[in-house]
Amino acid sequence: MNTVEIWEIAAFILYLGIMIAIGAVYSRKNQKSEDYFLGGRSLGGFVAAFSAQASDMSGWLLMGLPGAIFLSGLSGDGWIAIGLLIGTALNWIFVASPLRRYTIEAGNSVTLPMFFENRYQDDKKVLMTISSVIIALFFTVYTASAFASGGKLFNSVFNLDYHVALTIGAAVILLYTFLGGFLAVCTTDFIQGTLMIVALLTVPMVALSIMHGTGMSIVEGLVLHGVENTGNFTDFLSGADAVHIISGLAWGLGYFGMPHILVRFMAVKNEQEMNKSKVIAISWVTLSLAFAVVIGIIGRAFIDPSLFKELSESGSVTSEYIFIEMIKRVFTQEMNLAIVAGVFLCGFLAAIMSTADSQLLVSASAIAEDIYRGVINKKADDKTVLRLSHIAVVVIAIIAFVIAWNPDSSIMTLVSDAWAGLGAAFGPLVLMSLFWKRTNLPGAIAGLVSGAAVVILWDYLPLLSGQTIGSVTGLYSLLPGFVMSFICIFAVSLATKEPSEEMINTFNKVHNISFDRSEADSADA
């Protein structure tokens, strides 16, 4: 074992120890289920913003997106970054505050399924059951993508067998999520979000400086490394077709239906902190997406793709490792700063953990709080719900672990599938719940079912000569699923009975409330 490897291992051990210690500290503060799942609605602006965006982006930001840009350039998957930036901004500006207020007015709802139930006075628990099943299903796939990212990280950095690496990463994530709950997750997300953005900003600038020191421009590097049409890497429109652009932009629609992001809105302390969160979150995501794309472009000019061909043939590396390879070359070979490499590589682990923990927690809340206490045993006490949530975290982690067992699992594909399912099922209903008072229970049910069903039909069933609709059309399933859900909510709501007077009054109250600091603090009290 050389000096570089020793420093890298030391950095990882220290980082993992800090994350687990945070989980242990916060485990003492979880006295009831609302503490474990929502942190008592006590998040400050900085923590809420960093937690929401860190849990959003995951290892996909540092591995999946740069790897896709490395292969196809700006005109390929660069449109995804634009769609996500627009979606993030719209979500914080238009959804965050109304959702927080509405969940308080609607029976102090602590989960998204509970909000739907209270919003539509669903005494038969139909909405809660359907939405909880959708969350458990798609978040298990989403968690698998994070576990796969962790396995690939440890495999690349320490040359561990993928399955051993996968086991280590999954065990750490499971342990501190199990212990600490929502506040632990959000606190670690704040640390992880900071580490991610520092790594994203620093590494490509240092790599570019090294290239300029040798007298090589980005375009010259692209040509040297086999890129025939450099315009694909420097121009969003070069070679891009309408379907590809629309599909990329459609990723932004997913934000309106992501439970692990929306729950951060629900947990913010007051409106003053919410306004602070909006600015921080949009700034963070702008920088992180821009530099993730830059990493893919500079990486293609900085590192010869033949390296990936050689290593991928041996079964160890794909283009999703581009950022890891840049860190290794910049800090362990070019500059001999092994400890810096170790810290930045922890940024990958940060990205992975920050999403997996949130997904596990939201999935557990859907099972323990929504299905068990909401449907099966309404008299269950907080102690029972907490115990069941811990069991749910373990079970979901095991299933995700099995899904991620294949070392050829594509991070991009797993994230894409889960993002589409959650966004199409929940996004339209969240928007209609907040902004259209005529939405009723039958319309809400129709929207949930149709959105999820379209994604499943589009991506998983070979309906066209043995191929899926998605593979034939090239259109991202989130868009047709989102549109169909919207249509069903609107049409079914208009065709059935109007909402009750109580539902209308609650809607009006939420939209007529004008929060200043004293009012917000009073309401929160």
Protein backbone atom coordinates (compact mmCIF):
# COMPACT_ATOMS: atom_id res chain seq x y z
CA MET A 1 0.00 0.00 0.00
CA ASN A 2 1.52 3.34 -1.07
CA THR A 3 1.31 6.75 0.59
CA VAL A 4 -1.49 7.95 -1.69
CA GLU A 5 -3.71 5.00 -0.80
CA ILE A 6 -3.02 5.45 2.92
CA TRP A 7 -4.12 9.11 2.81
CA GLU A 8 -7.23 8.24 0.80
CA ILE A 9 -8.23 5.52 3.25
CA ALA A 10 -7.60 7.84 6.21
CA ALA A 11 -9.83 10.52 4.70
CA PHE A 12 -12.65 8.03 4.07
CA ILE A 13 -12.46 6.52 7.57
CA LEU A 14 -12.53 9.97 9.19
CA TYR A 15 -15.45 11.09 7.03
CA LEU A 16 -17.49 7.95 7.67
CA GLY A 17 -16.80 8.20 11.39
CA ILE A 18 -18.11 11.77 11.52
CA MET A 19 -21.31 10.84 9.64
CA ILE A 20 -22.06 7.91 11.95
CA ALA A 21 -21.32 10.03 15.04
CA ILE A 22 -23.87 12.61 13.86
CA GLY A 23 -26.47 9.86 13.49
CA ALA A 24 -25.76 8.63 17.01
CA VAL A 25 -26.10 12.13 18.50
CA TYR A 26 -29.45 12.83 16.82
CA SER A 27 -30.84 9.41 17.71
CA ARG A 28 -31.38 10.76 21.24
CA LYS A 29 -33.63 13.56 19.94
CA ASN A 30 -36.20 11.33 18.24
CA GLN A 31 -38.92 11.12 20.85
CA LYS A 32 -41.83 10.82 18.44
CA SER A 33 -42.47 10.00 14.80
CA GLU A 34 -42.68 13.66 13.73
CA ASP A 35 -39.13 14.15 15.03
CA TYR A 36 -37.84 11.15 13.11
CA PHE A 37 -39.60 11.96 9.81
CA LEU A 38 -39.77 15.79 9.81
CA GLY A 39 -37.44 17.05 12.52
CA GLY A 40 -40.24 18.91 14.31
CA ARG A 41 -40.39 21.48 11.48
CA SER A 42 -37.24 23.12 12.81
CA LEU A 43 -34.92 23.44 9.82
CA GLY A 44 -33.06 26.69 9.26
CA GLY A 45 -32.62 28.23 5.84
CA PHE A 46 -29.08 27.08 5.12
CA VAL A 47 -29.62 23.51 6.29
CA ALA A 48 -32.94 23.19 4.42
CA ALA A 49 -31.43 24.47 1.16
CA PHE A 50 -28.29 22.35 1.26
CA SER A 51 -30.20 19.30 2.45
CA ALA A 52 -32.83 19.55 -0.30
CA GLN A 53 -30.27 19.93 -3.07
CA ALA A 54 -27.75 17.43 -1.72
CA SER A 55 -30.47 14.80 -1.30
CA ASP A 56 -31.68 15.67 -4.80
CA MET A 57 -28.47 15.38 -6.77
CA SER A 58 -26.80 12.24 -5.34
CA GLY A 59 -23.95 10.34 -6.98
CA TRP A 60 -25.73 11.05 -10.24
CA LEU A 61 -24.41 14.63 -10.14
CA LEU A 62 -20.78 13.57 -9.80
CA MET A 63 -20.86 10.34 -11.80
CA GLY A 64 -23.96 9.94 -13.98
CA LEU A 65 -24.20 13.44 -15.50
CA PRO A 66 -20.46 14.03 -16.09
CA GLY A 67 -20.23 10.53 -17.60
CA ALA A 68 -23.11 11.26 -19.98
CA ILE A 69 -21.60 14.62 -21.02
CA PHE A 70 -18.21 12.91 -21.46
CA LEU A 71 -19.79 10.64 -24.07
CA SER A 72 -22.26 12.95 -25.85
CA GLY A 73 -21.35 16.57 -25.04
CA LEU A 74 -23.63 19.55 -24.47
CA SER A 75 -25.93 18.74 -27.36
CA GLY A 76 -26.46 15.25 -25.93
CA ASP A 77 -27.35 15.28 -22.24
CA GLY A 78 -26.58 18.94 -21.50
CA TRP A 79 -30.28 19.68 -21.90
CA ILE A 80 -30.97 17.59 -18.80
CA ALA A 81 -28.96 20.06 -16.73
CA ILE A 82 -30.98 22.98 -18.13
CA GLY A 83 -34.24 21.20 -17.39
CA LEU A 84 -33.18 20.43 -13.83
CA LEU A 85 -32.09 24.01 -13.20
CA ILE A 86 -35.43 25.38 -14.40
CA GLY A 87 -37.36 22.77 -12.41
CA THR A 88 -35.42 23.50 -9.22
CA ALA A 89 -36.01 27.24 -9.47
CA LEU A 90 -39.74 26.89 -10.18
CA ASN A 91 -40.15 24.39 -7.35
CA TRP A 92 -38.56 26.67 -4.75
CA ILE A 93 -40.24 29.84 -6.02
CA PHE A 94 -43.79 28.58 -6.50
CA VAL A 95 -44.24 25.35 -4.52
CA ALA A 96 -42.11 25.56 -1.36
CA SER A 97 -44.01 28.17 0.67
CA PRO A 98 -47.59 27.13 -0.27
CA LEU A 99 -46.78 23.48 0.44
CA ARG A 100 -45.35 24.28 3.86
CA ARG A 101 -48.42 26.34 4.78
CA TYR A 102 -50.87 23.82 3.38
CA THR A 103 -49.34 20.86 5.22
CA ILE A 104 -49.71 22.79 8.49
CA GLU A 105 -53.34 23.67 7.77
CA ALA A 106 -54.12 20.15 6.51
CA GLY A 107 -53.88 18.38 9.84
CA ASN A 108 -50.18 19.13 10.41
CA SER A 109 -49.23 16.55 7.76
CA VAL A 110 -45.71 15.17 8.15
CA THR A 111 -45.53 13.14 4.92
CA LEU A 112 -46.71 13.68 1.36
CA PRO A 113 -49.26 10.81 1.45
CA MET A 114 -50.64 12.21 4.71
CA PHE A 115 -50.99 15.63 3.08
CA PHE A 116 -52.97 14.13 0.19
CA GLU A 117 -55.25 12.32 2.62
CA ASN A 118 -55.92 15.41 4.73
CA ARG A 119 -56.17 17.74 1.75
CA TYR A 120 -58.92 15.62 0.12
CA GLN A 121 -60.57 14.30 3.30
CA ASP A 122 -59.91 10.74 2.20
CA ASP A 123 -61.48 8.79 5.06
CA LYS A 124 -61.02 5.47 3.23
CA LYS A 125 -57.24 6.02 2.96
CA VAL A 126 -57.20 5.31 -0.79
CA LEU A 127 -54.81 8.16 -1.64
CA MET A 128 -52.49 7.35 1.23
CA THR A 129 -52.29 3.69 0.26
CA ILE A 130 -51.65 4.31 -3.45
CA SER A 131 -49.12 7.07 -2.90
CA SER A 132 -47.25 5.07 -0.24
CA VAL A 133 -46.95 2.07 -2.56
CA ILE A 134 -45.65 4.31 -5.37
CA ILE A 135 -43.06 5.84 -3.04
CA ALA A 136 -41.87 2.47 -1.76
CA LEU A 137 -41.65 1.07 -5.31
CA PHE A 138 -39.76 3.86 -7.06
CA PHE A 139 -37.63 4.90 -4.10
CA THR A 140 -36.32 1.36 -3.79
CA VAL A 141 -35.03 1.68 -7.36
CA TYR A 142 -33.68 5.16 -6.56
CA THR A 143 -31.88 3.86 -3.48
CA ALA A 144 -30.39 1.07 -5.60
CA SER A 145 -28.81 3.74 -7.84
CA ALA A 146 -27.13 5.28 -4.79
CA PHE A 147 -25.88 1.92 -3.58
CA ALA A 148 -24.52 1.17 -7.07
CA SER A 149 -22.72 4.54 -7.03
CA GLY A 150 -21.15 3.68 -3.69
CA GLY A 151 -20.02 0.29 -4.94
CA LYS A 152 -18.43 1.81 -8.03
CA LEU A 153 -16.72 4.50 -5.95
CA PHE A 154 -15.02 2.08 -3.56
CA ASN A 155 -14.26 -0.27 -6.46
CA SER A 156 -12.46 2.50 -8.35
CA VAL A 157 -10.64 4.18 -5.45
CA PHE A 158 -9.53 1.15 -3.46
CA ASN A 159 -9.66 -1.58 -6.14
CA LEU A 160 -12.09 -3.53 -3.99
CA ASP A 161 -14.33 -6.14 -5.48
CA TYR A 162 -17.56 -4.38 -6.51
CA HIS A 163 -19.73 -6.55 -4.27
CA VAL A 164 -17.52 -5.96 -1.23
CA ALA A 165 -17.50 -2.23 -1.97
CA LEU A 166 -21.30 -2.23 -2.39
CA THR A 167 -21.72 -3.93 0.99
CA ILE A 168 -19.53 -1.41 2.81
CA GLY A 169 -21.29 1.62 1.32
CA ALA A 170 -24.78 0.26 1.95
CA ALA A 171 -23.92 -0.64 5.55
CA VAL A 172 -22.69 2.86 6.40
CA ILE A 173 -25.71 4.57 4.84
CA LEU A 174 -28.07 2.20 6.60
CA LEU A 175 -26.43 2.65 9.98
CA TYR A 176 -26.61 6.42 10.31
CA THR A 177 -30.05 6.69 8.68
CA PHE A 178 -31.27 4.02 11.09
CA LEU A 179 -29.89 5.90 14.07
CA GLY A 180 -30.57 9.56 13.45
CA GLY A 181 -33.66 10.07 11.34
CA PHE A 182 -34.54 13.34 9.62
CA LEU A 183 -32.38 15.78 11.59
CA ALA A 184 -29.32 13.57 11.25
CA VAL A 185 -29.96 13.23 7.54
CA CYS A 186 -30.37 16.99 7.08
CA THR A 187 -27.31 17.84 9.16
CA THR A 188 -25.11 15.40 7.29
CA ASP A 189 -26.63 16.64 4.01
CA PHE A 190 -25.48 20.16 4.89
CA ILE A 191 -21.91 18.91 5.34
CA GLN A 192 -22.14 16.74 2.24
CA GLY A 193 -23.61 19.52 0.12
CA THR A 194 -20.73 21.80 1.09
CA LEU A 195 -18.15 19.16 0.26
CA MET A 196 -19.80 18.39 -3.08
CA ILE A 197 -19.83 22.00 -4.26
CA VAL A 198 -16.18 22.57 -3.24
CA ALA A 199 -15.08 19.48 -5.20
CA LEU A 200 -17.19 20.47 -8.22
CA LEU A 201 -15.73 23.97 -8.35
CA THR A 202 -12.10 23.14 -7.65
CA VAL A 203 -11.22 20.05 -9.70
CA PRO A 204 -12.17 21.23 -13.22
CA MET A 205 -10.47 24.59 -12.68
CA VAL A 206 -7.24 22.91 -11.59
CA ALA A 207 -7.44 20.46 -14.52
CA LEU A 208 -7.97 23.37 -16.94
CA SER A 209 -4.99 25.17 -15.42
CA ILE A 210 -2.84 22.10 -16.02
CA MET A 211 -3.99 21.92 -19.65
CA HIS A 212 -3.23 25.61 -20.21
CA GLY A 213 0.20 25.04 -18.66
CA THR A 214 0.94 22.60 -21.46
CA GLY A 215 -0.39 25.04 -24.06
CA MET A 216 -3.47 22.96 -24.86
CA SER A 217 -6.97 24.41 -25.23
CA ILE A 218 -10.18 22.49 -24.56
CA VAL A 219 -10.95 22.21 -28.28
CA GLU A 220 -7.43 20.96 -29.01
CA GLY A 221 -7.78 18.39 -26.24
CA LEU A 222 -11.11 17.20 -27.63
CA VAL A 223 -9.60 16.75 -31.11
CA LEU A 224 -6.55 14.99 -29.66
CA HIS A 225 -8.82 12.54 -27.85
CA GLY A 226 -10.85 11.55 -30.88
CA VAL A 227 -13.80 13.97 -30.93
CA GLU A 228 -14.66 14.53 -34.58
CA ASN A 229 -17.38 17.14 -34.07
CA THR A 230 -16.21 19.42 -31.26
CA GLY A 231 -19.39 21.48 -31.67
CA ASN A 232 -21.31 18.71 -29.89
CA PHE A 233 -19.26 19.53 -26.79
CA THR A 234 -19.30 23.32 -27.04
CA ASP A 235 -22.79 24.04 -28.43
CA PHE A 236 -26.15 22.92 -27.01
CA LEU A 237 -27.78 22.96 -30.45
CA SER A 238 -25.11 21.20 -32.50
CA GLY A 239 -26.57 17.86 -33.56
CA ALA A 240 -29.45 18.01 -31.06
CA ASP A 241 -32.91 16.96 -32.30
CA ALA A 242 -36.28 18.12 -30.97
CA VAL A 243 -37.05 14.86 -29.12
CA HIS A 244 -33.71 14.96 -27.32
CA ILE A 245 -34.15 18.60 -26.28
CA ILE A 246 -37.72 18.07 -25.07
CA SER A 247 -36.77 14.93 -23.15
CA GLY A 248 -33.88 16.72 -21.46
CA LEU A 249 -35.98 19.70 -20.44
CA ALA A 250 -38.74 17.34 -19.21
CA TRP A 251 -36.45 16.22 -16.36
CA GLY A 252 -37.31 19.51 -14.65
CA LEU A 253 -40.94 18.43 -14.25
CA GLY A 254 -39.84 15.74 -11.82
CA TYR A 255 -39.07 18.22 -9.06
CA PHE A 256 -42.73 18.93 -8.35
CA GLY A 257 -43.23 15.29 -7.33
CA MET A 258 -40.09 14.33 -5.41
CA PRO A 259 -41.12 13.43 -1.83
CA HIS A 260 -37.56 13.60 -0.45
CA ILE A 261 -37.28 17.21 -1.69
CA LEU A 262 -40.81 18.33 -0.89
CA VAL A 263 -40.48 17.11 2.69
CA ARG A 264 -37.67 19.67 3.17
CA PHE A 265 -40.13 22.43 2.29
CA MET A 266 -42.53 21.08 4.89
CA ALA A 267 -39.83 21.09 7.59
CA VAL A 268 -38.56 24.69 7.28
CA LYS A 269 -38.89 26.65 10.52
CA ASN A 270 -40.71 29.75 9.18
CA GLU A 271 -41.24 31.92 6.11
CA GLN A 272 -38.18 34.05 6.80
CA GLU A 273 -35.99 30.95 6.70
CA MET A 274 -37.85 29.74 3.61
CA ASN A 275 -36.95 32.90 1.69
CA LYS A 276 -33.33 32.42 2.66
CA SER A 277 -33.48 28.79 1.50
CA LYS A 278 -34.77 29.74 -1.93
CA VAL A 279 -31.80 31.95 -2.74
CA ILE A 280 -29.25 29.48 -1.39
CA ALA A 281 -30.77 26.43 -3.08
CA ILE A 282 -31.11 27.98 -6.53
CA SER A 283 -27.54 29.34 -6.33
CA TRP A 284 -26.22 25.94 -5.22
CA VAL A 285 -27.93 24.01 -7.99
CA THR A 286 -26.88 26.53 -10.65
CA LEU A 287 -23.22 26.17 -9.73
CA SER A 288 -23.31 22.40 -9.20
CA LEU A 289 -25.07 21.57 -12.48
CA ALA A 290 -22.90 23.98 -14.48
CA PHE A 291 -19.68 22.53 -13.13
CA ALA A 292 -20.86 18.92 -13.43
CA VAL A 293 -21.35 19.62 -17.14
CA VAL A 294 -17.97 21.37 -17.33
CA ILE A 295 -16.33 18.32 -15.74
CA GLY A 296 -17.69 16.10 -18.50
CA ILE A 297 -16.35 18.45 -21.22
CA ILE A 298 -12.94 19.17 -19.66
CA GLY A 299 -12.63 15.53 -18.69
CA ARG A 300 -13.01 14.49 -22.34
CA ALA A 301 -10.24 16.92 -23.28
CA PHE A 302 -8.09 16.10 -20.25
CA ILE A 303 -8.20 12.29 -20.18
CA ASP A 304 -7.82 9.96 -23.14
CA PRO A 305 -11.00 7.86 -23.59
CA SER A 306 -8.79 4.87 -24.42
CA LEU A 307 -8.14 4.66 -20.67
CA PHE A 308 -11.81 3.91 -20.09
CA LYS A 309 -11.87 1.44 -22.96
CA GLU A 310 -8.96 -0.50 -21.50
CA LEU A 311 -10.33 -0.50 -17.98
CA SER A 312 -13.92 -1.20 -18.99
CA GLU A 313 -12.74 -4.26 -20.91
CA SER A 314 -11.28 -5.51 -17.64
CA GLY A 315 -14.64 -4.85 -15.98
CA SER A 316 -13.60 -2.04 -13.65
CA VAL A 317 -14.36 1.36 -15.18
CA THR A 318 -16.90 3.16 -17.37
CA SER A 319 -17.32 6.80 -18.38
CA GLU A 320 -19.19 7.37 -15.09
CA TYR A 321 -15.76 7.34 -13.41
CA ILE A 322 -14.49 10.41 -15.27
CA PHE A 323 -14.57 12.76 -12.26
CA ILE A 324 -12.84 10.18 -10.04
CA GLU A 325 -10.07 9.75 -12.60
CA MET A 326 -9.65 13.53 -12.88
CA ILE A 327 -9.22 13.83 -9.11
CA LYS A 328 -6.66 11.05 -9.08
CA ARG A 329 -4.63 12.56 -11.92
CA VAL A 330 -4.82 16.16 -10.71
CA PHE A 331 -4.02 15.62 -7.04
CA THR A 332 -2.14 12.33 -6.73
CA GLN A 333 -0.01 12.47 -9.85
CA GLU A 334 0.19 16.04 -11.10
CA MET A 335 0.33 17.81 -7.74
CA ASN A 336 1.07 15.01 -5.28
CA LEU A 337 -1.62 16.20 -2.87
CA ALA A 338 -2.98 12.83 -1.80
CA ILE A 339 -4.88 14.11 1.24
CA VAL A 340 -6.74 16.60 -0.98
CA ALA A 341 -7.63 13.77 -3.34
CA GLY A 342 -8.95 11.78 -0.40
CA VAL A 343 -11.12 14.66 0.80
CA PHE A 344 -12.55 15.32 -2.67
CA LEU A 345 -13.23 11.65 -3.24
CA CYS A 346 -15.23 11.79 -0.03
CA GLY A 347 -17.36 14.28 -1.95
CA PHE A 348 -18.56 11.35 -4.04
CA LEU A 349 -19.47 9.43 -0.94
CA ALA A 350 -21.21 12.58 0.33
CA ALA A 351 -23.31 12.82 -2.81
CA ILE A 352 -24.26 9.17 -2.62
CA MET A 353 -25.11 9.16 1.07
CA SER A 354 -27.04 12.42 0.97
CA THR A 355 -29.61 10.94 -1.41
CA ALA A 356 -29.74 7.35 -0.21
CA ASP A 357 -30.43 8.36 3.39
CA SER A 358 -33.30 10.62 2.33
CA GLN A 359 -34.80 7.95 0.10
CA LEU A 360 -34.64 5.35 2.84
CA LEU A 361 -36.25 7.73 5.31
CA VAL A 362 -39.11 8.77 3.02
CA SER A 363 -39.76 5.14 2.06
CA ALA A 364 -39.82 4.13 5.73
CA SER A 365 -42.25 6.94 6.54
CA ALA A 366 -44.55 5.75 3.74
CA ILE A 367 -44.63 2.26 5.20
CA ALA A 368 -44.63 2.97 8.95
CA GLU A 369 -46.50 6.27 9.23
CA ASP A 370 -48.78 6.18 6.19
CA ILE A 371 -49.61 2.53 5.58
CA TYR A 372 -49.29 1.06 9.08
CA ARG A 373 -50.59 3.86 11.32
CA GLY A 374 -52.62 5.53 8.59
CA VAL A 375 -54.39 2.43 7.27
CA ILE A 376 -53.69 -0.74 9.25
CA ASN A 377 -53.49 0.36 12.89
CA LYS A 378 -54.70 3.90 13.48
CA LYS A 379 -54.14 3.59 17.24
CA ALA A 380 -50.44 2.76 16.93
CA ASP A 381 -48.30 4.86 19.29
CA ASP A 382 -45.14 6.73 18.29
CA LYS A 383 -42.88 4.10 19.82
CA THR A 384 -44.40 1.39 17.65
CA VAL A 385 -44.21 3.53 14.53
CA LEU A 386 -40.55 4.36 15.17
CA ARG A 387 -39.73 0.69 15.67
CA LEU A 388 -41.52 -0.26 12.45
CA SER A 389 -39.80 2.55 10.54
CA HIS A 390 -36.43 1.14 11.57
CA ILE A 391 -37.47 -2.28 10.28
CA ALA A 392 -38.72 -0.69 7.03
CA VAL A 393 -35.39 1.09 6.50
CA VAL A 394 -33.55 -2.24 6.77
CA VAL A 395 -35.95 -4.13 4.47
CA ILE A 396 -35.90 -1.45 1.75
CA ALA A 397 -32.12 -1.25 1.96
CA ILE A 398 -31.84 -5.00 1.47
CA ILE A 399 -34.09 -4.94 -1.62
CA ALA A 400 -32.15 -1.98 -3.07
CA PHE A 401 -28.92 -3.82 -2.32
CA VAL A 402 -30.12 -6.81 -4.35
CA ILE A 403 -31.11 -4.56 -7.29
CA ALA A 404 -27.67 -2.90 -7.22
CA TRP A 405 -25.82 -6.23 -7.03
CA ASN A 406 -25.13 -6.23 -10.78
CA PRO A 407 -21.84 -4.29 -11.29
CA ASP A 408 -23.03 -3.25 -14.76
CA SER A 409 -25.98 -1.33 -13.29
CA SER A 410 -26.19 2.10 -14.94
CA ILE A 411 -26.53 4.93 -12.42
CA MET A 412 -28.09 7.14 -15.10
CA THR A 413 -30.71 4.53 -16.04
CA LEU A 414 -31.73 3.72 -12.46
CA VAL A 415 -32.10 7.41 -11.57
CA SER A 416 -33.98 8.13 -14.80
CA ASP A 417 -36.53 5.37 -14.15
CA ALA A 418 -37.20 6.37 -10.54
CA TRP A 419 -37.29 10.10 -11.33
CA ALA A 420 -39.89 9.56 -14.06
CA GLY A 421 -42.15 7.39 -11.91
CA LEU A 422 -42.19 9.73 -8.91
CA GLY A 423 -42.41 12.92 -10.98
CA ALA A 424 -45.28 11.71 -13.16
CA ALA A 425 -47.29 10.28 -10.27
CA PHE A 426 -46.91 13.09 -7.73
CA GLY A 427 -45.91 16.23 -9.62
CA PRO A 428 -49.26 17.11 -11.24
CA LEU A 429 -51.18 16.28 -8.08
CA VAL A 430 -48.95 18.46 -5.90
CA LEU A 431 -49.43 21.41 -8.27
CA MET A 432 -53.19 20.92 -8.61
CA SER A 433 -53.56 20.44 -4.85
CA LEU A 434 -51.84 23.74 -4.19
CA PHE A 435 -53.26 25.90 -6.98
CA TRP A 436 -56.62 24.55 -8.21
CA LYS A 437 -59.36 24.49 -5.61
CA ARG A 438 -61.70 22.43 -7.83
CA THR A 439 -59.44 19.36 -7.57
CA ASN A 440 -61.29 16.60 -5.71
CA LEU A 441 -60.62 13.10 -4.37
CA PRO A 442 -61.58 11.12 -7.52
CA GLY A 443 -59.41 13.43 -9.62
CA ALA A 444 -56.49 13.01 -7.24
CA ILE A 445 -56.74 9.21 -7.38
CA ALA A 446 -56.94 9.27 -11.19
CA GLY A 447 -53.85 11.47 -11.38
CA LEU A 448 -51.73 9.25 -9.13
CA VAL A 449 -52.66 6.02 -10.90
CA SER A 450 -52.42 7.34 -14.46
CA GLY A 451 -49.05 9.04 -13.98
CA ALA A 452 -47.37 5.96 -12.52
CA ALA A 453 -49.08 3.62 -15.01
CA VAL A 454 -47.91 5.55 -18.08
CA VAL A 455 -44.27 5.45 -16.91
CA ILE A 456 -44.46 1.70 -16.29
CA LEU A 457 -46.09 1.08 -19.69
CA TRP A 458 -43.64 3.42 -21.43
CA ASP A 459 -40.41 2.11 -19.93
CA TYR A 460 -40.93 -1.48 -18.86
CA LEU A 461 -43.42 -3.26 -21.14
CA PRO A 462 -42.28 -4.31 -24.66
CA LEU A 463 -45.48 -3.26 -26.43
CA LEU A 464 -44.03 -2.39 -29.87
CA SER A 465 -42.53 -5.40 -31.64
CA GLY A 466 -40.68 -6.49 -28.54
CA GLN A 467 -39.51 -2.97 -27.67
CA THR A 468 -40.75 -0.44 -25.15
CA ILE A 469 -42.45 2.76 -26.30
CA GLY A 470 -39.62 4.75 -24.75
CA SER A 471 -36.89 2.95 -26.70
CA VAL A 472 -38.81 3.35 -29.99
CA THR A 473 -39.75 7.03 -29.60
CA GLY A 474 -36.73 8.23 -27.62
CA LEU A 475 -39.08 10.42 -25.56
CA TYR A 476 -38.50 10.47 -21.80
CA SER A 477 -41.43 8.77 -20.04
CA LEU A 478 -41.77 11.53 -17.45
CA LEU A 479 -43.31 13.88 -20.02
CA PRO A 480 -46.20 11.67 -21.26
CA GLY A 481 -46.80 10.44 -17.72
CA PHE A 482 -46.91 13.99 -16.35
CA VAL A 483 -49.27 15.20 -19.11
CA MET A 484 -51.61 12.21 -18.72
CA SER A 485 -51.79 12.69 -14.96
CA PHE A 486 -52.66 16.37 -15.40
CA ILE A 487 -55.39 15.56 -17.91
CA CYS A 488 -56.89 12.87 -15.68
CA ILE A 489 -56.92 15.10 -12.59
CA PHE A 490 -58.60 17.91 -14.50
CA ALA A 491 -61.15 15.80 -16.40
CA VAL A 492 -62.16 13.52 -13.52
CA SER A 493 -62.42 16.40 -11.04
CA LEU A 494 -64.75 18.32 -13.38
CA ALA A 495 -66.83 15.20 -14.09
CA THR A 496 -67.40 14.38 -10.41
CA LYS A 497 -68.71 16.08 -7.30
CA GLU A 498 -67.25 19.43 -6.24
CA PRO A 499 -64.96 19.54 -3.19
CA SER A 500 -66.61 20.08 0.19
CA GLU A 501 -67.01 23.55 1.66
CA GLU A 502 -64.43 22.71 4.30
CA MET A 503 -61.87 21.81 1.63
CA ILE A 504 -62.56 25.06 -0.22
CA ASN A 505 -62.25 27.09 2.99
CA THR A 506 -58.90 25.50 3.82
CA PHE A 507 -57.65 26.21 0.32
CA ASN A 508 -58.72 29.87 0.59
CA LYS A 509 -57.17 30.20 4.02
CA VAL A 510 -53.81 28.92 2.80
CA HIS A 511 -53.72 31.32 -0.14
CA ASN A 512 -54.99 34.30 1.79
CA ILE A 513 -52.47 34.03 4.62
CA SER A 514 -49.88 36.80 4.57
CA PHE A 515 -46.93 35.82 6.72
CA ASP A 516 -44.70 38.39 8.27
CA ARG A 517 -42.08 37.36 10.81
CA SER A 518 -44.32 37.61 13.89
CA GLU A 519 -47.18 35.80 12.18
CA ALA A 520 -44.90 33.04 10.92
CA ASP A 521 -43.33 32.53 14.33
CA SER A 522 -46.77 32.55 15.94
CA ALA A 523 -48.11 30.00 13.47
CA ASP A 524 -45.07 27.79 13.93
CA ALA A 525 -45.47 27.90 17.69
